[in-house]
Protein backbone atom coordinates (compact mmCIF):
# COMPACT_ATOMS: atom_id res chain seq x y z
CA MET A 1 136.39 212.09 96.78
CA THR A 2 133.54 214.37 96.93
CA THR A 3 130.31 213.68 94.94
CA ILE A 4 131.15 216.31 92.46
CA GLU A 5 134.87 215.28 92.33
CA ASN A 6 133.42 211.52 91.37
CA LYS A 7 130.68 212.54 88.10
CA ASN A 8 134.25 214.41 86.89
CA THR A 9 136.28 211.19 87.33
CA LEU A 10 133.20 208.95 85.97
CA ALA A 11 132.12 211.04 83.29
CA GLY A 12 133.35 210.62 79.67
CA LYS A 13 131.96 212.62 76.60
CA GLU A 14 128.78 210.89 75.28
CA GLU A 15 127.80 210.82 71.45
CA GLY A 16 125.47 213.65 70.06
CA VAL A 17 126.78 216.41 72.23
CA THR A 18 126.96 219.65 70.69
CA PRO A 19 130.47 221.39 69.54
CA GLU A 20 129.20 224.15 71.88
CA GLY A 21 128.76 221.48 74.62
CA ALA A 22 132.25 220.09 74.22
CA ALA A 23 133.95 223.11 74.00
CA LYS A 24 132.16 224.32 77.66
CA ARG A 25 133.42 220.90 78.66
CA GLN A 26 136.82 221.62 77.42
CA LYS A 27 136.25 224.79 79.49
CA LYS A 28 135.36 223.33 82.73
CA GLU A 29 137.11 220.20 82.92
CA SER A 30 141.00 219.95 83.67
CA ASP A 31 140.69 216.42 85.15
CA GLY A 32 143.13 215.33 82.83
CA VAL A 33 140.56 211.96 82.64
CA PRO A 34 141.24 209.55 79.25
CA GLU A 35 138.13 209.36 77.02
CA LYS A 36 138.17 205.78 77.55
CA LYS A 37 139.36 203.55 80.72
CA ASN A 38 140.15 199.26 80.41
CA PRO A 39 137.39 198.03 82.29
CA LYS A 40 139.92 197.20 85.22
CA GLU A 41 140.27 201.01 85.63
CA LEU A 42 136.85 201.52 85.12
CA GLY A 43 135.60 198.81 87.66
CA MET A 44 137.78 200.40 90.00
CA LEU A 45 136.48 203.87 89.54
CA LEU A 46 133.03 202.25 90.12
CA ASP A 47 133.81 200.22 93.03
CA GLY A 48 131.49 201.51 96.00
CA HIS A 49 129.06 203.09 93.62
CA SER A 50 125.42 201.47 92.64
CA LEU A 51 124.81 201.21 88.96
CA GLU A 52 121.52 204.02 89.86
CA THR A 53 124.55 206.27 91.04
CA VAL A 54 126.47 206.06 88.31
CA VAL A 55 123.79 206.18 85.95
CA GLU A 56 122.57 209.63 87.75
CA MET A 57 126.08 210.60 87.35
CA LYS A 58 126.40 209.73 83.84
CA LEU A 59 122.99 211.12 82.77
CA SER A 60 123.77 214.64 84.96
CA ARG A 61 127.17 215.07 82.98
CA PHE A 62 125.52 214.11 79.59
CA PHE A 63 122.33 216.77 80.33
CA ASP A 64 125.10 219.52 81.65
CA GLN A 65 127.32 218.69 77.86
CA LEU A 66 123.72 219.30 76.18
CA GLY A 67 123.46 223.23 77.79
CA GLY A 68 119.51 223.55 77.60
CA PHE A 69 119.46 221.62 74.39
CA TYR A 70 117.35 218.51 74.59
CA PRO A 71 116.88 216.36 71.33
CA GLU A 72 113.30 214.77 70.96
CA ASN A 73 112.93 211.13 72.00
CA LEU A 74 115.18 211.92 74.46
CA TYR A 75 113.91 208.54 76.26
CA ASP A 76 114.34 206.47 72.84
CA LEU A 77 117.86 207.56 72.69
CA ILE A 78 118.90 207.04 76.42
CA ILE A 79 117.60 203.65 76.69
CA LYS A 80 118.99 202.62 73.42
CA LYS A 81 122.52 203.75 75.24
CA VAL A 82 121.45 201.29 77.97
CA GLU A 83 120.32 198.60 76.15
CA LYS A 84 122.58 197.82 73.65
CA PRO A 85 125.49 197.24 76.50
CA LEU A 86 122.90 195.03 78.08
CA ILE A 87 122.30 193.15 75.64
CA GLN A 88 125.98 192.72 75.08
CA GLN A 89 126.88 191.76 78.57
CA ILE A 90 123.87 189.12 79.05
CA LEU A 91 125.04 187.64 76.10
CA VAL A 92 128.70 187.30 76.66
CA ARG A 93 127.93 185.84 80.10
CA THR A 94 125.34 183.31 78.58
CA GLY A 95 127.95 182.18 75.95
CA GLY A 96 126.15 183.50 73.12
CA ASN A 97 122.98 181.48 74.28
CA GLN A 98 119.85 183.92 72.80
CA LEU A 99 117.20 181.65 74.71
CA GLN A 100 118.86 181.80 78.11
CA ALA A 101 119.62 185.71 77.70
CA ALA A 102 116.17 186.20 76.60
CA GLN A 103 115.16 184.26 80.10
CA ILE A 104 117.29 186.40 81.71
CA LEU A 105 116.18 190.04 80.20
CA GLY A 106 112.42 189.35 80.33
CA ILE A 107 111.88 189.28 76.62
CA ASN A 108 110.65 186.79 73.64
CA ARG A 109 113.64 185.36 71.98
CA ASN A 110 112.58 186.98 68.83
CA THR A 111 112.26 190.45 70.40
CA LEU A 112 115.71 189.48 71.45
CA ARG A 113 116.93 188.78 67.61
CA LYS A 114 115.27 192.13 66.37
CA LYS A 115 117.03 194.03 68.99
CA ILE A 116 120.58 191.96 68.38
CA LYS A 117 120.14 192.89 64.29
CA LEU A 118 118.86 196.55 65.40
CA TYR A 119 122.18 196.98 67.34
CA GLY A 120 124.08 194.97 65.40
CA ILE A 121 125.72 192.67 68.14
């Protein structure tokens, strides 16, 4: 599978995409990949790819969908999209222990609590 095919396989729809961007994607793609995959299927697709590579592929697809339009505060938008699942995964893996999760993340427990509240975790 080539890198381009990997990008098509791993990428899904992102929030905040304009209708024009979504329409372009519909026209360009015919890969038939469902919008959501179960975790086992997704894990199999991602095997052999580094986290950095997967993130780069997803960002590339996201920017393609924007079609040249870049929203303000793009950095904050991207960080929020990554930070929430990161916190969720660490909390799951620590059995909900916020002190341990904060230590793993390298942030203050109160900061973690604020983020939990912010993201509705």
